[in-house]
Amino acid sequence: MASDTARPPAPAPVAALVQMTSGINPAANLETIDRALGEAAAAGAAMAFLPEMSLLLDRDRMRSAAHIVREADSPWPAALQAMARRHAIWLHSGSMPLLADAGDRRVNRSHVIAADGSIRARYDKIHMFDVTLPSGENWTESSAYAGGAALNVVDTPIGRLGLSICYDLRFPELYRALVDRGAEAIAVPAAFTVSTGEAHWHLLLRARAVETGCYILAAAQAGAHADGRATYGHSLTVDPWGAVVAEATGQPGDDYRLCLAPVRRDAIDRARGAIPLARSREIRNIEL
């Protein structure tokens, strides 16, 4: 006999942001990632997110060159694939430096890896961080890195995931394009400087969430790194209404911090229903 009792809704999938202080030793970074994924899986996370340059954070281009090869020759993707299989968890790699598939330029590349170890998506960071900050810091990523030329949105256990990296955050048109391709959540792995993080990190992430009606999942580098830089941290999950639902507020004595939050489909529907941005754009399709 069929029961009249309604089944409770399935629990929302949990995303685990891994905040790290990656250094110049890829083997040590991989050990940290492996431990973090084990903890995330034990906590019931469906998918883990690493920060930008999770495998190697080194601004010394001569020193780092020994580790940076084309993806087909790199041991890093295979190592992450093996971890995803072993821990039975989906994984967003944050990003890693690789040589471009052609030529001698580098790319800053993300991978989305399924729990069976298969690579489901790749994304090369589009916007290069070429700035001179009020703090005196000067960064010229384009002197070594080539920007990507393609957007990517991929199906994952937490929904349709749009891909971006760090400085991309400042370009809202990219995030609008990801939503037009069906994104329900957007990854923003980052290594924000302290000065820009204090000024803009929370502001920009919350704005992108509200503008898109998406969850924003921003795993960040944090603390003092072996290459001499310092990063802001504050890994954030922001819901589609702009509320910060999880935040890593410090760097522990250990070398990573885990930040867990559910990704709720009903929160996406409520935000988009309350402020129907897509419909309003169609109605007000005027030339500016």
C-alpha atoms as a PDB file:
ATOM      1  CA  MET A   1       0.000   0.000   0.000  1.00  0.00           C
ATOM      2  CA  ALA A   2       1.345   3.412  -0.913  1.00  0.00           C
ATOM      3  CA  SER A   3       1.976   5.761   1.980  1.00  0.00           C
ATOM      4  CA  ASP A   4       0.205   9.127   2.130  1.00  0.00           C
ATOM      5  CA  THR A   5       3.139  10.579   4.042  1.00  0.00           C
ATOM      6  CA  ALA A   6       5.103  13.039   1.927  1.00  0.00           C
ATOM      7  CA  ARG A   7       8.759  12.299   1.609  1.00  0.00           C
ATOM      8  CA  PRO A   8      11.034  14.947   3.082  1.00  0.00           C
ATOM      9  CA  PRO A   9      13.002  16.893   0.485  1.00  0.00           C
ATOM     10  CA  ALA A  10      16.466  15.629  -0.314  1.00  0.00           C
ATOM     11  CA  PRO A  11      19.177  17.502   1.584  1.00  0.00           C
ATOM     12  CA  ALA A  12      20.924  20.240  -0.332  1.00  0.00           C
ATOM     13  CA  PRO A  13      24.373  19.281  -1.630  1.00  0.00           C
ATOM     14  CA  VAL A  14      27.236  20.742   0.379  1.00  0.00           C
ATOM     15  CA  ALA A  15      30.165  22.630  -1.162  1.00  0.00           C
ATOM     16  CA  ALA A  16      33.501  22.638   0.669  1.00  0.00           C
ATOM     17  CA  LEU A  17      35.833  25.574   0.081  1.00  0.00           C
ATOM     18  CA  VAL A  18      39.471  24.785   0.846  1.00  0.00           C
ATOM     19  CA  GLN A  19      41.410  27.848   1.973  1.00  0.00           C
ATOM     20  CA  MET A  20      45.157  27.279   1.572  1.00  0.00           C
ATOM     21  CA  THR A  21      48.546  28.922   1.911  1.00  0.00           C
ATOM     22  CA  SER A  22      50.070  27.299  -1.160  1.00  0.00           C
ATOM     23  CA  GLY A  23      53.812  27.495  -1.556  1.00  0.00           C
ATOM     24  CA  ILE A  24      56.603  26.791  -4.024  1.00  0.00           C
ATOM     25  CA  ASN A  25      56.707  23.016  -3.397  1.00  0.00           C
ATOM     26  CA  PRO A  26      54.010  21.235  -5.451  1.00  0.00           C
ATOM     27  CA  ALA A  27      54.430  17.959  -3.541  1.00  0.00           C
ATOM     28  CA  ALA A  28      53.698  19.691  -0.240  1.00  0.00           C
ATOM     29  CA  ASN A  29      50.680  21.450  -1.751  1.00  0.00           C
ATOM     30  CA  LEU A  30      49.346  18.123  -3.030  1.00  0.00           C
ATOM     31  CA  GLU A  31      49.680  16.584   0.433  1.00  0.00           C
ATOM     32  CA  THR A  32      47.660  19.457   1.890  1.00  0.00           C
ATOM     33  CA  ILE A  33      44.978  19.078  -0.780  1.00  0.00           C
ATOM     34  CA  ASP A  34      44.722  15.333  -0.152  1.00  0.00           C
ATOM     35  CA  ARG A  35      44.130  15.875   3.574  1.00  0.00           C
ATOM     36  CA  ALA A  36      41.593  18.624   2.902  1.00  0.00           C
ATOM     37  CA  LEU A  37      39.644  16.460   0.451  1.00  0.00           C
ATOM     38  CA  GLY A  38      39.557  13.620   2.956  1.00  0.00           C
ATOM     39  CA  GLU A  39      38.093  15.959   5.576  1.00  0.00           C
ATOM     40  CA  ALA A  40      35.600  17.420   3.100  1.00  0.00           C
ATOM     41  CA  ALA A  41      34.411  13.968   2.030  1.00  0.00           C
ATOM     42  CA  ALA A  42      34.081  12.834   5.667  1.00  0.00           C
ATOM     43  CA  ALA A  43      31.942  15.939   6.333  1.00  0.00           C
ATOM     44  CA  GLY A  44      29.564  14.899   3.545  1.00  0.00           C
ATOM     45  CA  ALA A  45      30.551  17.477   0.934  1.00  0.00           C
ATOM     46  CA  ALA A  46      29.466  16.684  -2.614  1.00  0.00           C
ATOM     47  CA  MET A  47      32.135  18.915  -4.160  1.00  0.00           C
ATOM     48  CA  ALA A  48      35.323  20.613  -2.985  1.00  0.00           C
ATOM     49  CA  PHE A  49      36.779  23.865  -4.327  1.00  0.00           C
ATOM     50  CA  LEU A  50      40.470  24.783  -4.210  1.00  0.00           C
ATOM     51  CA  PRO A  51      41.923  28.315  -4.554  1.00  0.00           C
ATOM     52  CA  GLU A  52      43.734  29.840  -7.497  1.00  0.00           C
ATOM     53  CA  MET A  53      47.249  28.397  -8.027  1.00  0.00           C
ATOM     54  CA  SER A  54      46.567  25.649  -5.504  1.00  0.00           C
ATOM     55  CA  LEU A  55      49.369  23.430  -6.857  1.00  0.00           C
ATOM     56  CA  LEU A  56      52.071  26.090  -7.124  1.00  0.00           C
ATOM     57  CA  LEU A  57      52.094  29.729  -5.999  1.00  0.00           C
ATOM     58  CA  ASP A  58      55.417  31.220  -7.027  1.00  0.00           C
ATOM     59  CA  ARG A  59      55.984  34.671  -8.518  1.00  0.00           C
ATOM     60  CA  ASP A  60      59.622  33.770  -9.366  1.00  0.00           C
ATOM     61  CA  ARG A  61      59.160  32.784 -13.009  1.00  0.00           C
ATOM     62  CA  MET A  62      62.622  31.315 -13.441  1.00  0.00           C
ATOM     63  CA  ARG A  63      62.276  29.077 -10.375  1.00  0.00           C
ATOM     64  CA  SER A  64      58.731  27.993 -11.218  1.00  0.00           C
ATOM     65  CA  ALA A  65      59.620  27.143 -14.826  1.00  0.00           C
ATOM     66  CA  ALA A  66      60.967  23.735 -13.795  1.00  0.00           C
ATOM     67  CA  HIS A  67      57.450  22.689 -12.750  1.00  0.00           C
ATOM     68  CA  ILE A  68      55.349  24.260 -15.509  1.00  0.00           C
ATOM     69  CA  VAL A  69      54.771  22.067 -18.572  1.00  0.00           C
ATOM     70  CA  ARG A  70      51.913  21.357 -20.960  1.00  0.00           C
ATOM     71  CA  GLU A  71      48.921  19.613 -19.448  1.00  0.00           C
ATOM     72  CA  ALA A  72      49.636  16.384 -21.335  1.00  0.00           C
ATOM     73  CA  ASP A  73      53.056  16.237 -19.626  1.00  0.00           C
ATOM     74  CA  SER A  74      52.047  17.478 -16.171  1.00  0.00           C
ATOM     75  CA  PRO A  75      51.570  15.074 -13.236  1.00  0.00           C
ATOM     76  CA  TRP A  76      49.225  17.468 -11.464  1.00  0.00           C
ATOM     77  CA  PRO A  77      45.869  16.762 -13.177  1.00  0.00           C
ATOM     78  CA  ALA A  78      46.362  13.010 -12.776  1.00  0.00           C
ATOM     79  CA  ALA A  79      47.212  13.461  -9.086  1.00  0.00           C
ATOM     80  CA  LEU A  80      44.001  15.401  -8.505  1.00  0.00           C
ATOM     81  CA  GLN A  81      41.986  12.864 -10.504  1.00  0.00           C
ATOM     82  CA  ALA A  82      43.316  10.079  -8.283  1.00  0.00           C
ATOM     83  CA  MET A  83      42.372  12.032  -5.155  1.00  0.00           C
ATOM     84  CA  ALA A  84      38.829  12.635  -6.416  1.00  0.00           C
ATOM     85  CA  ARG A  85      38.424   8.905  -7.038  1.00  0.00           C
ATOM     86  CA  ARG A  86      39.929   7.902  -3.706  1.00  0.00           C
ATOM     87  CA  HIS A  87      37.780  10.294  -1.697  1.00  0.00           C
ATOM     88  CA  ALA A  88      34.700   9.861  -3.958  1.00  0.00           C
ATOM     89  CA  ILE A  89      34.182  13.611  -4.242  1.00  0.00           C
ATOM     90  CA  TRP A  90      33.845  16.088  -7.099  1.00  0.00           C
ATOM     91  CA  LEU A  91      36.664  18.611  -7.248  1.00  0.00           C
ATOM     92  CA  HIS A  92      37.246  22.062  -8.669  1.00  0.00           C
ATOM     93  CA  SER A  93      41.026  22.415  -8.900  1.00  0.00           C
ATOM     94  CA  GLY A  94      41.037  26.164  -8.276  1.00  0.00           C
ATOM     95  CA  SER A  95      43.699  26.643 -10.886  1.00  0.00           C
ATOM     96  CA  MET A  96      47.225  25.627 -11.819  1.00  0.00           C
ATOM     97  CA  PRO A  97      49.925  27.121 -14.050  1.00  0.00           C
ATOM     98  CA  LEU A  98      50.578  25.163 -17.229  1.00  0.00           C
ATOM     99  CA  LEU A  99      52.190  25.845 -20.562  1.00  0.00           C
ATOM    100  CA  ALA A 100      49.641  26.676 -23.229  1.00  0.00           C
ATOM    101  CA  ASP A 101      48.775  23.827 -25.555  1.00  0.00           C
ATOM    102  CA  ALA A 102      50.752  25.650 -28.266  1.00  0.00           C
ATOM    103  CA  GLY A 103      53.574  28.180 -28.024  1.00  0.00           C
ATOM    104  CA  ASP A 104      55.697  29.166 -25.031  1.00  0.00           C
ATOM    105  CA  ARG A 105      53.164  31.151 -22.991  1.00  0.00           C
ATOM    106  CA  ARG A 106      51.609  29.964 -19.739  1.00  0.00           C
ATOM    107  CA  VAL A 107      47.926  29.593 -18.921  1.00  0.00           C
ATOM    108  CA  ASN A 108      46.136  29.756 -15.584  1.00  0.00           C
ATOM    109  CA  ARG A 109      43.826  26.729 -15.897  1.00  0.00           C
ATOM    110  CA  SER A 110      40.962  25.300 -13.835  1.00  0.00           C
ATOM    111  CA  HIS A 111      39.710  21.722 -14.011  1.00  0.00           C
ATOM    112  CA  VAL A 112      36.404  20.271 -12.851  1.00  0.00           C
ATOM    113  CA  ILE A 113      36.925  16.628 -11.927  1.00  0.00           C
ATOM    114  CA  ALA A 114      34.105  14.154 -11.218  1.00  0.00           C
ATOM    115  CA  ALA A 115      34.144  11.688  -8.347  1.00  0.00           C
ATOM    116  CA  ASP A 116      35.063   8.955 -10.838  1.00  0.00           C
ATOM    117  CA  GLY A 117      38.225  10.883 -11.711  1.00  0.00           C
ATOM    118  CA  SER A 118      37.130  12.067 -15.150  1.00  0.00           C
ATOM    119  CA  ILE A 119      37.828  15.677 -16.172  1.00  0.00           C
ATOM    120  CA  ARG A 120      34.473  17.254 -17.011  1.00  0.00           C
ATOM    121  CA  ALA A 121      35.575  20.811 -17.824  1.00  0.00           C
ATOM    122  CA  ARG A 122      38.553  23.119 -18.255  1.00  0.00           C
ATOM    123  CA  TYR A 123      38.773  26.893 -18.136  1.00  0.00           C
ATOM    124  CA  ASP A 124      41.701  29.239 -18.809  1.00  0.00           C
ATOM    125  CA  LYS A 125      41.590  32.560 -16.953  1.00  0.00           C
ATOM    126  CA  ILE A 126      40.535  35.252 -19.417  1.00  0.00           C
ATOM    127  CA  HIS A 127      41.515  38.508 -17.725  1.00  0.00           C
ATOM    128  CA  MET A 128      45.160  39.130 -16.824  1.00  0.00           C
ATOM    129  CA  PHE A 129      46.052  40.959 -13.609  1.00  0.00           C
ATOM    130  CA  ASP A 130      48.127  43.848 -14.986  1.00  0.00           C
ATOM    131  CA  VAL A 131      47.948  46.555 -12.328  1.00  0.00           C
ATOM    132  CA  THR A 132      49.941  48.945 -10.191  1.00  0.00           C
ATOM    133  CA  LEU A 133      48.208  49.211  -6.826  1.00  0.00           C
ATOM    134  CA  PRO A 134      48.155  52.167  -4.422  1.00  0.00           C
ATOM    135  CA  SER A 135      50.186  49.954  -2.056  1.00  0.00           C
ATOM    136  CA  GLY A 136      53.041  50.024  -4.590  1.00  0.00           C
ATOM    137  CA  GLU A 137      52.578  46.415  -5.689  1.00  0.00           C
ATOM    138  CA  ASN A 138      53.019  45.845  -9.411  1.00  0.00           C
ATOM    139  CA  TRP A 139      51.652  42.780 -11.187  1.00  0.00           C
ATOM    140  CA  THR A 140      51.958  42.006 -14.915  1.00  0.00           C
ATOM    141  CA  GLU A 141      50.490  38.562 -15.519  1.00  0.00           C
ATOM    142  CA  SER A 142      50.327  39.135 -19.261  1.00  0.00           C
ATOM    143  CA  SER A 143      54.125  39.188 -19.496  1.00  0.00           C
ATOM    144  CA  ALA A 144      54.092  35.399 -18.986  1.00  0.00           C
ATOM    145  CA  TYR A 145      50.460  34.266 -19.277  1.00  0.00           C
ATOM    146  CA  ALA A 146      48.078  34.110 -22.212  1.00  0.00           C
ATOM    147  CA  GLY A 147      44.429  34.843 -21.493  1.00  0.00           C
ATOM    148  CA  GLY A 148      41.794  32.263 -22.295  1.00  0.00           C
ATOM    149  CA  ALA A 149      39.184  32.776 -24.989  1.00  0.00           C
ATOM    150  CA  ALA A 150      36.254  30.542 -23.988  1.00  0.00           C
ATOM    151  CA  LEU A 151      33.588  30.458 -21.276  1.00  0.00           C
ATOM    152  CA  ASN A 152      32.539  27.200 -19.665  1.00  0.00           C
ATOM    153  CA  VAL A 153      29.529  26.004 -17.673  1.00  0.00           C
ATOM    154  CA  VAL A 154      29.356  22.393 -16.505  1.00  0.00           C
ATOM    155  CA  ASP A 155      26.853  20.131 -14.739  1.00  0.00           C
ATOM    156  CA  THR A 156      27.961  19.161 -11.218  1.00  0.00           C
ATOM    157  CA  PRO A 157      26.312  17.761  -8.056  1.00  0.00           C
ATOM    158  CA  ILE A 158      25.707  21.311  -6.838  1.00  0.00           C
ATOM    159  CA  GLY A 159      24.068  22.411 -10.102  1.00  0.00           C
ATOM    160  CA  ARG A 160      25.222  24.100 -13.298  1.00  0.00           C
ATOM    161  CA  LEU A 161      28.606  25.583 -12.427  1.00  0.00           C
ATOM    162  CA  GLY A 162      30.121  28.564 -14.246  1.00  0.00           C
ATOM    163  CA  LEU A 163      33.901  28.927 -14.212  1.00  0.00           C
ATOM    164  CA  SER A 164      35.984  32.031 -13.539  1.00  0.00           C
ATOM    165  CA  ILE A 165      39.274  32.860 -11.816  1.00  0.00           C
ATOM    166  CA  CYS A 166      40.266  35.739  -9.502  1.00  0.00           C
ATOM    167  CA  TYR A 167      40.652  38.961 -11.566  1.00  0.00           C
ATOM    168  CA  ASP A 168      37.734  37.844 -13.766  1.00  0.00           C
ATOM    169  CA  LEU A 169      35.616  38.890 -10.770  1.00  0.00           C
ATOM    170  CA  ARG A 170      35.891  42.547 -11.812  1.00  0.00           C
ATOM    171  CA  PHE A 171      34.158  41.983 -15.163  1.00  0.00           C
ATOM    172  CA  PRO A 172      30.397  41.558 -14.594  1.00  0.00           C
ATOM    173  CA  GLU A 173      29.722  40.958 -18.289  1.00  0.00           C
ATOM    174  CA  LEU A 174      31.549  37.617 -17.995  1.00  0.00           C
ATOM    175  CA  TYR A 175      29.236  36.539 -15.157  1.00  0.00           C
ATOM    176  CA  ARG A 176      26.148  37.616 -17.077  1.00  0.00           C
ATOM    177  CA  ALA A 177      27.338  35.482 -19.995  1.00  0.00           C
ATOM    178  CA  LEU A 178      27.754  32.486 -17.669  1.00  0.00           C
ATOM    179  CA  VAL A 179      24.168  32.891 -16.470  1.00  0.00           C
ATOM    180  CA  ASP A 180      22.987  33.111 -20.073  1.00  0.00           C
ATOM    181  CA  ARG A 181      24.626  29.688 -20.495  1.00  0.00           C
ATOM    182  CA  GLY A 182      22.667  28.289 -17.559  1.00  0.00           C
ATOM    183  CA  ALA A 183      24.944  28.856 -14.565  1.00  0.00           C
ATOM    184  CA  GLU A 184      23.337  28.417 -11.136  1.00  0.00           C
ATOM    185  CA  ALA A 185      26.588  28.679  -9.166  1.00  0.00           C
ATOM    186  CA  ILE A 186      29.895  30.273 -10.118  1.00  0.00           C
ATOM    187  CA  ALA A 187      33.379  29.370  -8.905  1.00  0.00           C
ATOM    188  CA  VAL A 188      35.809  32.223  -8.183  1.00  0.00           C
ATOM    189  CA  PRO A 189      39.099  30.670  -6.987  1.00  0.00           C
ATOM    190  CA  ALA A 190      41.422  33.497  -6.017  1.00  0.00           C
ATOM    191  CA  ALA A 191      44.722  34.735  -4.636  1.00  0.00           C
ATOM    192  CA  PHE A 192      43.647  38.305  -3.861  1.00  0.00           C
ATOM    193  CA  THR A 193      46.258  40.668  -2.489  1.00  0.00           C
ATOM    194  CA  VAL A 194      45.638  41.986   1.019  1.00  0.00           C
ATOM    195  CA  SER A 195      45.080  45.572  -0.120  1.00  0.00           C
ATOM    196  CA  THR A 196      42.573  44.733  -2.862  1.00  0.00           C
ATOM    197  CA  GLY A 197      40.929  42.098  -0.688  1.00  0.00           C
ATOM    198  CA  GLU A 198      40.293  44.511   2.156  1.00  0.00           C
ATOM    199  CA  ALA A 199      38.796  47.031  -0.261  1.00  0.00           C
ATOM    200  CA  HIS A 200      36.825  44.930  -2.732  1.00  0.00           C
ATOM    201  CA  TRP A 201      36.619  41.161  -2.029  1.00  0.00           C
ATOM    202  CA  HIS A 202      33.332  40.960  -0.119  1.00  0.00           C
ATOM    203  CA  LEU A 203      31.802  43.805  -2.134  1.00  0.00           C
ATOM    204  CA  LEU A 204      32.485  42.266  -5.551  1.00  0.00           C
ATOM    205  CA  LEU A 205      31.524  38.712  -4.619  1.00  0.00           C
ATOM    206  CA  ARG A 206      28.215  39.816  -3.128  1.00  0.00           C
ATOM    207  CA  ALA A 207      27.518  42.034  -6.141  1.00  0.00           C
ATOM    208  CA  ARG A 208      28.147  39.186  -8.582  1.00  0.00           C
ATOM    209  CA  ALA A 209      25.777  36.960  -6.585  1.00  0.00           C
ATOM    210  CA  VAL A 210      22.973  39.543  -6.623  1.00  0.00           C
ATOM    211  CA  GLU A 211      23.486  40.448 -10.286  1.00  0.00           C
ATOM    212  CA  THR A 212      23.334  36.831 -11.413  1.00  0.00           C
ATOM    213  CA  GLY A 213      21.018  35.142  -8.923  1.00  0.00           C
ATOM    214  CA  CYS A 214      23.754  32.534  -8.441  1.00  0.00           C
ATOM    215  CA  TYR A 215      25.675  31.051  -5.572  1.00  0.00           C
ATOM    216  CA  ILE A 216      29.243  32.365  -5.597  1.00  0.00           C
ATOM    217  CA  LEU A 217      31.866  29.889  -4.369  1.00  0.00           C
ATOM    218  CA  ALA A 218      35.180  31.635  -3.762  1.00  0.00           C
ATOM    219  CA  ALA A 219      38.009  29.534  -2.328  1.00  0.00           C
ATOM    220  CA  ALA A 220      40.974  31.757  -1.550  1.00  0.00           C
ATOM    221  CA  GLN A 221      44.655  31.740  -0.783  1.00  0.00           C
ATOM    222  CA  ALA A 222      45.434  33.177   2.662  1.00  0.00           C
ATOM    223  CA  GLY A 223      48.428  34.326   4.627  1.00  0.00           C
ATOM    224  CA  ALA A 224      52.177  34.679   4.071  1.00  0.00           C
ATOM    225  CA  HIS A 225      53.538  32.562   1.205  1.00  0.00           C
ATOM    226  CA  ALA A 226      56.978  31.152   0.519  1.00  0.00           C
ATOM    227  CA  ASP A 227      57.430  33.385  -2.553  1.00  0.00           C
ATOM    228  CA  GLY A 228      57.129  36.506  -0.387  1.00  0.00           C
ATOM    229  CA  ARG A 229      53.567  37.564  -1.147  1.00  0.00           C
ATOM    230  CA  ALA A 230      50.649  37.841   1.259  1.00  0.00           C
ATOM    231  CA  THR A 231      47.060  37.015   0.327  1.00  0.00           C
ATOM    232  CA  TYR A 232      43.769  38.114   1.834  1.00  0.00           C
ATOM    233  CA  GLY A 233      41.918  34.831   2.481  1.00  0.00           C
ATOM    234  CA  HIS A 234      38.285  35.104   3.602  1.00  0.00           C
ATOM    235  CA  SER A 235      37.010  32.246   1.427  1.00  0.00           C
ATOM    236  CA  LEU A 236      33.308  32.926   0.914  1.00  0.00           C
ATOM    237  CA  THR A 237      30.109  31.217  -0.097  1.00  0.00           C
ATOM    238  CA  VAL A 238      27.537  33.873  -1.032  1.00  0.00           C
ATOM    239  CA  ASP A 239      23.915  32.967  -1.703  1.00  0.00           C
ATOM    240  CA  PRO A 240      21.872  34.389  -4.628  1.00  0.00           C
ATOM    241  CA  TRP A 241      20.384  37.103  -2.392  1.00  0.00           C
ATOM    242  CA  GLY A 242      23.875  38.377  -1.563  1.00  0.00           C
ATOM    243  CA  ALA A 243      24.144  36.952   1.945  1.00  0.00           C
ATOM    244  CA  VAL A 244      27.451  35.476   3.089  1.00  0.00           C
ATOM    245  CA  VAL A 245      26.470  31.987   4.262  1.00  0.00           C
ATOM    246  CA  ALA A 246      29.984  30.708   5.032  1.00  0.00           C
ATOM    247  CA  GLU A 247      33.334  32.416   5.519  1.00  0.00           C
ATOM    248  CA  ALA A 248      36.830  31.341   6.499  1.00  0.00           C
ATOM    249  CA  THR A 249      37.830  34.299   8.668  1.00  0.00           C
ATOM    250  CA  GLY A 250      41.408  33.367   9.459  1.00  0.00           C
ATOM    251  CA  GLN A 251      44.310  31.086   8.718  1.00  0.00           C
ATOM    252  CA  PRO A 252      44.882  28.386  11.342  1.00  0.00           C
ATOM    253  CA  GLY A 253      48.232  27.075  12.447  1.00  0.00           C
ATOM    254  CA  ASP A 254      47.567  24.234  10.049  1.00  0.00           C
ATOM    255  CA  ASP A 255      48.007  24.783   6.317  1.00  0.00           C
ATOM    256  CA  TYR A 256      44.354  24.799   5.260  1.00  0.00           C
ATOM    257  CA  ARG A 257      40.917  25.737   6.513  1.00  0.00           C
ATOM    258  CA  LEU A 258      37.673  24.111   5.380  1.00  0.00           C
ATOM    259  CA  CYS A 259      34.524  26.170   4.813  1.00  0.00           C
ATOM    260  CA  LEU A 260      31.259  24.195   4.328  1.00  0.00           C
ATOM    261  CA  ALA A 261      27.886  25.409   3.057  1.00  0.00           C
ATOM    262  CA  PRO A 262      24.820  23.877   1.384  1.00  0.00           C
ATOM    263  CA  VAL A 263      23.875  25.024  -2.129  1.00  0.00           C
ATOM    264  CA  ARG A 264      20.072  25.273  -2.139  1.00  0.00           C
ATOM    265  CA  ARG A 265      18.137  25.171  -5.399  1.00  0.00           C
ATOM    266  CA  ASP A 266      15.158  26.887  -3.732  1.00  0.00           C
ATOM    267  CA  ALA A 267      17.345  29.872  -2.799  1.00  0.00           C
ATOM    268  CA  ILE A 268      18.234  30.337  -6.467  1.00  0.00           C
ATOM    269  CA  ASP A 269      14.572  30.107  -7.485  1.00  0.00           C
ATOM    270  CA  ARG A 270      13.465  32.582  -4.786  1.00  0.00           C
ATOM    271  CA  ALA A 271      16.106  35.159  -5.689  1.00  0.00           C
ATOM    272  CA  ARG A 272      15.395  34.965  -9.397  1.00  0.00           C
ATOM    273  CA  GLY A 273      11.656  35.022  -8.816  1.00  0.00           C
ATOM    274  CA  ALA A 274      11.821  38.079  -6.562  1.00  0.00           C
ATOM    275  CA  ILE A 275      13.999  40.093  -8.943  1.00  0.00           C
ATOM    276  CA  PRO A 276      13.434  38.734 -12.481  1.00  0.00           C
ATOM    277  CA  LEU A 277      16.506  40.237 -14.114  1.00  0.00           C
ATOM    278  CA  ALA A 278      16.326  38.100 -17.262  1.00  0.00           C
ATOM    279  CA  ARG A 279      12.723  39.151 -17.968  1.00  0.00           C
ATOM    280  CA  SER A 280      13.462  42.805 -17.248  1.00  0.00           C
ATOM    281  CA  ARG A 281      16.342  42.782 -19.714  1.00  0.00           C
ATOM    282  CA  GLU A 282      14.051  41.468 -22.433  1.00  0.00           C
ATOM    283  CA  ILE A 283      11.411  44.125 -21.723  1.00  0.00           C
ATOM    284  CA  ARG A 284      13.927  46.993 -21.605  1.00  0.00           C
ATOM    285  CA  ASN A 285      15.922  45.995 -24.653  1.00  0.00           C
ATOM    286  CA  ILE A 286      16.961  49.522 -25.582  1.00  0.00           C
ATOM    287  CA  GLU A 287      20.055  50.833 -27.260  1.00  0.00           C
ATOM    288  CA  LEU A 288      22.311  52.694 -24.826  1.00  0.00           C
END
